[in-house]
Amino acid sequence: MERRKIRKIRKRTAVILAAALLMQLLDPVPGLGGVSASSTTQQEIDKTEKEKDNLEDELDKTQDNLNSLEGQRDSLKKELDYLNGQLAAVVANLEELETNIRTKEQEILQTQTTLEAAKEKEKWQYDSMVAIVRCMYERPEDSYLTALLAAGSLSEMLNKADNIERVVAYEQKMLQEYKENRLLIEEHEARLQTEKAELESLQAQAEEEKNKVTELIDQTSRSITKYGNQISAEEQKALEYEAEIKKKEEDLEYLRKKLAQEIALSQAAANGVWRDISEVSFAEGDRKLLANLIYCEAGGEPYEGQIAVGSVVINRVLSSKFPDTVVGVIYQSRQFSPVASGRLGLALASDMATERCYQAADAAMSGINNVGSCVFFRTPIEGLTGINIGGHVFY
């Protein structure tokens, strides 16, 4: 917005300076009134400046859009960095959980191996006790009572009884220890299985979190790519606008040089030789041509404005600095915009000139002149003085 205000101030200053320079260059010859550059050239300058202003406005909008897109992209990049940090933390947590799960599995495997060994020992101990009991009670020749009765003395019998009791007690004790050890191992295995299940649950949650963060990263990356493409497109558009603006500036430089040349021509015309209207021989078709030009340039103007346009054409015919015929003046290169645009050709094809336009043409061709020696006209601009009739200033 500030750039646009600055450009408007610069443009206004340039117009004022150009107008001041124009007034200095145009030192009117007494009795001839002011003369200046071709209205067509000035119109081209105005049109080119307007196009340049429009391009600069579009460039400003594009730059604003670029700034907005870059801001959004930078914000997304920050979000992406944050998400990547989150993902790294989740992945690290997953790796730790996987390591812990593998450790638990290894511990469970070792515990199961130990448990199987304990079960084998317990079974062996149980089988050993069963075998002893069978020996003592199922085989009379090896029975407990037989062993006692076979003793040679009471003392020997008591010793045997004590030994047998110690063996049985030891076997029972070992069996109990094996059972308790097995139970402890089973409890440890159950605890390890629970811990593994908890770890697996945490792993599943971490995997879900990882998937969510990964999806967010993908979405953010796609958005960044989208904004990057839009930024590239806007940058390309800005380059194109800048190239067009540069071209308009070159066109303006050319037109201003042309304007200076026309100013010199205007001054020369003011100081040049002028014929009298009686010396002009109008050709067949001049009346229709002039009337239709008046229609194109001043069809909506009051009658005085239409005569003024006709007078400018006739003044040029009379000046030694312009072609000496109506056709030559009207069709002189880049002088009257309806010629360049094709409007005059269309008007002539259908003879669109009104009766009043023909009356104005007749008046001008008969020598009636309400603009003095003015040879140019245009819509008013700041700093330009002349004869104001209708919507034009004549100079």
Protein backbone atom coordinates (compact mmCIF):
# COMPACT_ATOMS: atom_id res chain seq x y z
CA MET A 1 0.00 0.00 0.00
CA GLU A 2 2.84 2.40 0.88
CA ARG A 3 4.57 1.64 -2.42
CA ARG A 4 1.41 2.64 -4.30
CA LYS A 5 1.15 5.95 -2.41
CA ILE A 6 4.79 6.75 -3.14
CA ARG A 7 4.32 5.99 -6.83
CA LYS A 8 1.23 8.23 -7.01
CA ILE A 9 3.16 11.11 -5.40
CA ARG A 10 6.04 10.57 -7.83
CA LYS A 11 3.68 10.43 -10.79
CA ARG A 12 1.91 13.64 -9.72
CA THR A 13 5.26 15.38 -9.29
CA ALA A 14 6.41 14.14 -12.70
CA VAL A 15 3.24 15.45 -14.34
CA ILE A 16 3.67 18.89 -12.75
CA LEU A 17 7.35 19.06 -13.74
CA ALA A 18 6.55 17.90 -17.28
CA ALA A 19 3.82 20.52 -17.58
CA ALA A 20 6.16 23.23 -16.30
CA LEU A 21 8.82 22.14 -18.78
CA LEU A 22 6.21 22.12 -21.53
CA MET A 23 5.18 25.71 -20.77
CA GLN A 24 8.83 26.80 -20.80
CA LEU A 25 9.45 25.17 -24.16
CA LEU A 26 6.34 26.63 -25.65
CA ASP A 27 6.98 30.33 -25.84
CA PRO A 28 4.00 31.31 -27.96
CA VAL A 29 4.47 33.58 -30.93
CA PRO A 30 2.38 36.71 -30.45
CA GLY A 31 -0.98 36.40 -32.08
CA LEU A 32 -0.70 32.64 -32.66
CA GLY A 33 -1.75 31.21 -29.27
CA GLY A 34 -0.03 28.28 -27.60
CA VAL A 35 1.14 25.25 -29.57
CA SER A 36 2.21 21.94 -28.09
CA ALA A 37 2.68 18.27 -28.77
CA SER A 38 0.38 15.94 -30.65
CA SER A 39 -2.68 14.95 -28.67
CA THR A 40 -2.24 11.42 -29.99
CA THR A 41 1.27 11.18 -28.54
CA GLN A 42 0.10 12.58 -25.23
CA GLN A 43 -2.77 10.12 -25.22
CA GLU A 44 -0.29 7.31 -25.82
CA ILE A 45 1.82 8.60 -22.95
CA ASP A 46 -1.24 8.76 -20.69
CA LYS A 47 -2.34 5.31 -21.79
CA THR A 48 1.16 3.86 -21.29
CA GLU A 49 1.49 5.49 -17.87
CA LYS A 50 -1.89 4.12 -16.86
CA GLU A 51 -0.90 0.65 -18.08
CA LYS A 52 2.40 0.97 -16.20
CA ASP A 53 0.53 2.04 -13.05
CA ASN A 54 -1.82 -0.94 -13.40
CA LEU A 55 1.14 -3.27 -13.85
CA GLU A 56 2.84 -1.79 -10.79
CA ASP A 57 -0.38 -2.25 -8.80
CA GLU A 58 -0.54 -5.87 -9.94
CA LEU A 59 3.14 -6.28 -9.06
CA ASP A 60 2.41 -4.89 -5.58
CA LYS A 61 -0.48 -7.30 -5.16
CA THR A 62 1.74 -10.14 -6.33
CA GLN A 63 4.49 -9.12 -3.91
CA ASP A 64 1.94 -8.93 -1.07
CA ASN A 65 0.66 -12.36 -2.03
CA LEU A 66 4.24 -13.63 -2.18
CA ASN A 67 4.94 -12.28 1.29
CA SER A 68 1.78 -13.94 2.59
CA LEU A 69 2.61 -17.27 0.94
CA GLU A 70 6.19 -17.17 2.18
CA GLY A 71 4.93 -16.39 5.70
CA GLN A 72 2.58 -19.37 5.60
CA ARG A 73 5.32 -21.57 4.17
CA ASP A 74 7.77 -20.48 6.89
CA SER A 75 5.13 -21.19 9.53
CA LEU A 76 4.60 -24.66 8.07
CA LYS A 77 8.36 -25.25 8.02
CA LYS A 78 8.49 -24.45 11.74
CA GLU A 79 5.59 -26.83 12.32
CA LEU A 80 7.38 -29.47 10.25
CA ASP A 81 10.53 -29.05 12.34
CA TYR A 82 8.43 -29.50 15.48
CA LEU A 83 6.73 -32.60 14.05
CA ASN A 84 10.07 -34.07 13.00
CA GLY A 85 11.25 -33.55 16.56
CA GLN A 86 8.15 -35.33 17.83
CA LEU A 87 8.68 -38.17 15.37
CA ALA A 88 12.32 -38.53 16.43
CA ALA A 89 11.20 -38.75 20.08
CA VAL A 90 8.51 -41.34 19.21
CA VAL A 91 10.96 -43.39 17.14
CA ALA A 92 13.52 -43.27 19.98
CA ASN A 93 10.80 -44.40 22.41
CA LEU A 94 9.82 -47.20 20.04
CA GLU A 95 13.42 -48.34 19.74
CA GLU A 96 13.72 -48.35 23.53
CA LEU A 97 10.46 -50.30 23.87
CA GLU A 98 11.57 -52.80 21.24
CA THR A 99 14.86 -53.25 23.09
CA ASN A 100 13.00 -53.75 26.38
CA ILE A 101 10.60 -56.21 24.75
CA ARG A 102 13.50 -58.20 23.31
CA THR A 103 15.12 -58.19 26.75
CA LYS A 104 11.87 -59.39 28.34
CA GLU A 105 11.50 -62.10 25.73
CA GLN A 106 15.05 -63.22 26.44
CA GLU A 107 14.37 -63.20 30.18
CA ILE A 108 11.11 -65.13 29.64
CA LEU A 109 12.93 -67.64 27.49
CA GLN A 110 15.61 -68.10 30.15
CA THR A 111 12.96 -68.31 32.87
CA GLN A 112 11.03 -70.91 30.90
CA THR A 113 14.22 -72.93 30.48
CA THR A 114 14.87 -72.65 34.22
CA LEU A 115 11.24 -73.57 34.93
CA GLU A 116 11.46 -76.66 32.76
CA ALA A 117 14.62 -77.70 34.60
CA ALA A 118 12.91 -77.07 37.93
CA LYS A 119 9.94 -79.12 36.87
CA GLU A 120 12.27 -81.92 35.82
CA LYS A 121 14.03 -81.80 39.19
CA GLU A 122 10.73 -81.74 41.01
CA LYS A 123 9.51 -84.74 39.01
CA TRP A 124 12.79 -86.54 39.56
CA GLN A 125 12.58 -85.85 43.29
CA TYR A 126 8.99 -87.01 43.40
CA ASP A 127 9.84 -90.15 41.47
CA SER A 128 12.76 -90.74 43.84
CA MET A 129 10.49 -90.56 46.88
CA VAL A 130 7.93 -92.80 45.25
CA ALA A 131 10.65 -95.33 44.54
CA ILE A 132 11.81 -95.25 48.17
CA VAL A 133 8.28 -95.69 49.45
CA ARG A 134 7.72 -98.57 47.09
CA CYS A 135 10.91 -100.18 48.26
CA MET A 136 9.86 -99.77 51.85
CA TYR A 137 6.30 -100.95 51.61
CA GLU A 138 5.67 -102.83 48.39
CA ARG A 139 8.64 -105.30 48.53
CA PRO A 140 8.59 -107.25 51.79
CA GLU A 141 12.16 -108.37 51.45
CA ASP A 142 13.26 -104.72 51.18
CA SER A 143 10.61 -103.26 53.44
CA TYR A 144 11.25 -100.85 56.21
CA LEU A 145 10.17 -103.38 58.85
CA THR A 146 12.38 -106.12 57.44
CA ALA A 147 15.35 -103.78 57.54
CA LEU A 148 14.69 -102.98 61.14
CA LEU A 149 14.18 -106.60 62.19
CA ALA A 150 17.36 -107.59 60.45
CA ALA A 151 19.32 -105.41 62.82
CA GLY A 152 21.72 -107.36 65.11
CA SER A 153 20.95 -105.23 68.11
CA LEU A 154 18.59 -102.61 69.37
CA SER A 155 21.20 -99.97 68.86
CA GLU A 156 21.70 -100.98 65.24
CA MET A 157 17.94 -101.07 64.73
CA LEU A 158 17.60 -97.56 66.14
CA ASN A 159 20.41 -96.33 63.95
CA LYS A 160 18.76 -97.85 60.88
CA ALA A 161 15.43 -96.31 61.81
CA ASP A 162 17.06 -92.95 62.30
CA ASN A 163 18.87 -93.18 58.95
CA ILE A 164 15.69 -94.13 57.12
CA GLU A 165 13.81 -91.24 58.70
CA ARG A 166 16.60 -88.84 57.75
CA VAL A 167 16.53 -90.06 54.15
CA VAL A 168 12.76 -89.71 53.93
CA ALA A 169 12.86 -86.27 55.60
CA TYR A 170 15.60 -85.14 53.24
CA GLU A 171 13.69 -86.35 50.22
CA GLN A 172 10.54 -84.59 51.46
CA LYS A 173 12.49 -81.42 52.14
CA MET A 174 14.08 -81.45 48.69
CA LEU A 175 10.72 -82.10 47.07
CA GLN A 176 9.23 -79.13 48.96
CA GLU A 177 12.14 -76.90 47.98
CA TYR A 178 11.78 -77.92 44.35
CA LYS A 179 8.06 -77.16 44.50
CA GLU A 180 8.64 -73.75 46.09
CA ASN A 181 11.37 -72.98 43.57
CA ARG A 182 9.07 -73.98 40.72
CA LEU A 183 6.32 -71.75 42.09
CA LEU A 184 8.74 -68.81 42.35
CA ILE A 185 9.90 -69.38 38.79
CA GLU A 186 6.28 -69.58 37.59
CA GLU A 187 5.47 -66.34 39.40
CA HIS A 188 8.54 -64.72 37.86
CA GLU A 189 7.50 -65.93 34.40
CA ALA A 190 3.98 -64.59 34.92
CA ARG A 191 5.41 -61.24 36.02
CA LEU A 192 7.67 -61.13 32.98
CA GLN A 193 4.74 -61.96 30.70
CA THR A 194 2.73 -59.14 32.28
CA GLU A 195 5.60 -56.71 31.85
CA LYS A 196 6.02 -57.81 28.24
CA ALA A 197 2.29 -57.31 27.61
CA GLU A 198 2.53 -53.81 29.10
CA LEU A 199 5.52 -53.05 26.91
CA GLU A 200 3.70 -54.35 23.85
CA SER A 201 0.72 -52.16 24.72
CA LEU A 202 3.03 -49.15 25.00
CA GLN A 203 4.63 -50.19 21.72
CA ALA A 204 1.24 -50.29 20.01
CA GLN A 205 0.42 -46.83 21.37
CA ALA A 206 3.80 -45.53 20.21
CA GLU A 207 3.27 -47.05 16.76
CA GLU A 208 -0.13 -45.33 16.57
CA GLU A 209 1.44 -42.04 17.64
CA LYS A 210 4.21 -42.55 15.08
CA ASN A 211 1.63 -43.11 12.32
CA LYS A 212 -0.26 -39.96 13.32
CA VAL A 213 2.87 -37.84 13.41
CA THR A 214 4.06 -39.33 10.11
CA GLU A 215 0.72 -38.48 8.49
CA LEU A 216 0.93 -34.93 9.86
CA ILE A 217 4.47 -34.66 8.49
CA ASP A 218 3.28 -35.89 5.09
CA GLN A 219 0.38 -33.41 5.10
CA THR A 220 2.66 -30.56 6.15
CA SER A 221 5.27 -31.50 3.56
CA ARG A 222 2.58 -31.57 0.87
CA SER A 223 1.34 -28.16 2.01
CA ILE A 224 4.89 -26.79 1.92
CA THR A 225 5.31 -28.17 -1.59
CA LYS A 226 1.98 -26.62 -2.60
CA TYR A 227 2.99 -23.24 -1.19
CA GLY A 228 6.39 -23.62 -2.84
CA ASN A 229 4.69 -24.15 -6.21
CA GLN A 230 2.42 -21.16 -5.61
CA ILE A 231 5.41 -19.05 -4.61
CA SER A 232 7.27 -20.11 -7.76
CA ALA A 233 4.22 -19.17 -9.84
CA GLU A 234 3.92 -15.80 -8.09
CA GLU A 235 7.65 -15.17 -8.49
CA GLN A 236 7.33 -15.93 -12.20
CA LYS A 237 4.33 -13.61 -12.39
CA ALA A 238 6.32 -10.89 -10.60
CA LEU A 239 9.19 -11.32 -13.06
CA GLU A 240 6.75 -11.00 -15.95
CA TYR A 241 5.23 -7.86 -14.43
CA GLU A 242 8.70 -6.40 -13.90
CA ALA A 243 9.59 -7.16 -17.52
CA GLU A 244 6.34 -5.54 -18.70
CA ILE A 245 6.95 -2.52 -16.46
CA LYS A 246 10.46 -2.17 -17.88
CA LYS A 247 9.00 -2.34 -21.39
CA LYS A 248 6.44 0.34 -20.49
CA GLU A 249 9.22 2.51 -19.09
CA GLU A 250 11.11 2.10 -22.36
CA ASP A 251 7.94 2.96 -24.27
CA LEU A 252 7.44 6.04 -22.10
CA GLU A 253 11.02 7.13 -22.69
CA TYR A 254 10.48 6.77 -26.44
CA LEU A 255 7.15 8.62 -26.32
CA ARG A 256 8.59 11.44 -24.26
CA LYS A 257 11.42 11.85 -26.75
CA LYS A 258 8.81 11.85 -29.49
CA LEU A 259 6.84 14.39 -27.49
CA ALA A 260 9.91 16.63 -27.30
CA GLN A 261 10.28 16.35 -31.07
CA GLU A 262 6.63 17.28 -31.52
CA ILE A 263 7.07 20.21 -29.16
CA ALA A 264 9.86 21.40 -31.42
CA LEU A 265 7.56 20.87 -34.41
CA SER A 266 4.82 22.85 -32.67
CA GLN A 267 7.21 25.74 -32.05
CA ALA A 268 8.39 25.58 -35.65
CA ALA A 269 4.79 25.60 -36.86
CA ALA A 270 4.06 28.67 -34.78
CA ASN A 271 7.05 30.44 -36.31
CA GLY A 272 6.53 29.03 -39.80
CA VAL A 273 4.70 30.23 -42.90
CA TRP A 274 0.91 30.08 -42.97
CA ARG A 275 -1.23 30.13 -46.12
CA ASP A 276 -4.50 31.93 -46.41
CA ILE A 277 -7.64 29.83 -46.60
CA SER A 278 -8.30 31.25 -50.07
CA GLU A 279 -5.15 29.53 -51.34
CA VAL A 280 -6.47 26.05 -50.46
CA SER A 281 -8.25 23.91 -53.04
CA PHE A 282 -10.24 21.22 -51.25
CA ALA A 283 -10.54 17.86 -52.98
CA GLU A 284 -13.67 15.80 -53.47
CA GLY A 285 -14.26 13.78 -50.32
CA ASP A 286 -12.52 16.25 -47.99
CA ARG A 287 -15.87 17.39 -46.59
CA LYS A 288 -17.02 13.84 -45.77
CA LEU A 289 -13.61 12.92 -44.34
CA LEU A 290 -13.44 15.99 -42.09
CA ALA A 291 -17.09 15.64 -40.96
CA ASN A 292 -16.53 12.00 -39.93
CA LEU A 293 -13.30 12.85 -38.11
CA ILE A 294 -15.23 15.56 -36.23
CA TYR A 295 -17.87 12.91 -35.44
CA CYS A 296 -15.21 10.54 -34.03
CA GLU A 297 -13.34 13.21 -32.05
CA ALA A 298 -16.19 15.46 -30.92
CA GLY A 299 -19.50 13.81 -31.84
CA GLY A 300 -20.85 14.39 -28.36
CA GLU A 301 -19.38 17.87 -27.95
CA PRO A 302 -21.28 21.15 -28.42
CA TYR A 303 -21.26 22.70 -31.90
CA GLU A 304 -18.44 25.09 -30.91
CA GLY A 305 -16.30 22.11 -29.92
CA GLN A 306 -16.97 20.43 -33.26
CA ILE A 307 -15.94 23.60 -35.17
CA ALA A 308 -12.80 23.76 -32.99
CA VAL A 309 -11.74 20.24 -34.04
CA GLY A 310 -12.33 21.15 -37.70
CA SER A 311 -10.33 24.36 -37.23
CA VAL A 312 -7.30 22.41 -35.91
CA VAL A 313 -7.31 20.30 -39.09
CA ILE A 314 -7.59 23.33 -41.34
CA ASN A 315 -4.87 25.16 -39.36
CA ARG A 316 -2.53 22.27 -40.10
CA VAL A 317 -3.44 22.42 -43.78
CA LEU A 318 -2.52 26.12 -43.70
CA SER A 319 0.77 25.59 -41.79
CA SER A 320 3.95 24.90 -43.75
CA LYS A 321 5.00 22.37 -41.08
CA PHE A 322 2.17 19.92 -41.84
CA PRO A 323 0.78 18.28 -44.98
CA ASP A 324 -1.10 20.76 -47.18
CA THR A 325 -4.23 18.67 -47.74
CA VAL A 326 -7.07 17.50 -45.52
CA VAL A 327 -6.29 13.87 -46.40
CA GLY A 328 -2.57 14.35 -45.69
CA VAL A 329 -3.22 16.00 -42.31
CA ILE A 330 -5.81 13.47 -41.10
CA TYR A 331 -3.85 10.42 -42.21
CA GLN A 332 -0.46 11.71 -41.07
CA SER A 333 1.11 8.94 -38.98
CA ARG A 334 0.16 8.80 -35.28
CA GLN A 335 -1.72 12.10 -35.21
CA PHE A 336 -5.41 11.30 -34.73
CA SER A 337 -6.36 8.34 -32.57
CA PRO A 338 -9.57 7.43 -34.51
CA VAL A 339 -7.37 6.75 -37.53
CA ALA A 340 -5.08 4.37 -35.60
CA SER A 341 -7.97 2.64 -33.83
CA GLY A 342 -10.00 2.12 -37.01
CA ARG A 343 -12.99 4.14 -35.77
CA LEU A 344 -12.65 6.66 -38.59
CA GLY A 345 -12.69 3.90 -41.18
CA LEU A 346 -15.87 2.45 -39.70
CA ALA A 347 -17.49 5.90 -39.55
CA LEU A 348 -16.59 6.62 -43.18
CA ALA A 349 -17.91 3.25 -44.33
CA SER A 350 -21.37 4.11 -43.02
CA ASP A 351 -21.00 7.92 -43.18
CA MET A 352 -21.89 8.17 -39.49
CA ALA A 353 -21.26 11.94 -39.32
CA THR A 354 -24.34 13.90 -38.23
CA GLU A 355 -25.73 16.95 -40.03
CA ARG A 356 -24.22 19.18 -37.36
CA CYS A 357 -20.79 17.55 -37.90
CA TYR A 358 -21.12 18.39 -41.62
CA GLN A 359 -22.06 21.96 -40.69
CA ALA A 360 -18.95 22.21 -38.49
CA ALA A 361 -16.80 20.85 -41.34
CA ASP A 362 -18.30 23.38 -43.77
CA ALA A 363 -17.66 26.22 -41.30
CA ALA A 364 -14.00 25.23 -40.79
CA MET A 365 -13.41 24.78 -44.52
CA SER A 366 -14.92 28.22 -45.15
CA GLY A 367 -12.39 29.84 -42.80
CA ILE A 368 -14.44 30.09 -39.59
CA ASN A 369 -11.98 29.53 -36.75
CA ASN A 370 -12.62 29.66 -32.99
CA VAL A 371 -9.18 28.40 -31.84
CA GLY A 372 -6.80 30.91 -33.37
CA SER A 373 -3.69 29.15 -34.66
CA CYS A 374 -3.93 26.09 -32.40
CA VAL A 375 -2.84 22.91 -34.17
CA PHE A 376 -3.39 20.41 -31.35
CA PHE A 377 -6.13 19.45 -28.87
CA ARG A 378 -6.61 16.92 -26.11
CA THR A 379 -8.51 16.29 -22.93
CA PRO A 380 -7.31 18.67 -20.19
CA ILE A 381 -4.30 17.75 -18.05
CA GLU A 382 -2.82 19.51 -15.06
CA GLY A 383 -0.48 22.34 -16.03
CA LEU A 384 -1.64 22.63 -19.66
CA THR A 385 -3.24 25.92 -20.66
CA GLY A 386 -5.01 26.80 -23.87
CA ILE A 387 -8.48 27.43 -25.21
CA ASN A 388 -11.03 25.26 -23.41
CA ILE A 389 -14.05 24.34 -25.51
CA GLY A 390 -16.33 21.48 -24.50
CA GLY A 391 -14.27 18.59 -23.20
CA HIS A 392 -11.01 19.59 -24.93
CA VAL A 393 -8.23 22.08 -24.49
CA PHE A 394 -6.90 23.52 -27.78
CA TYR A 395 -3.34 24.74 -28.03
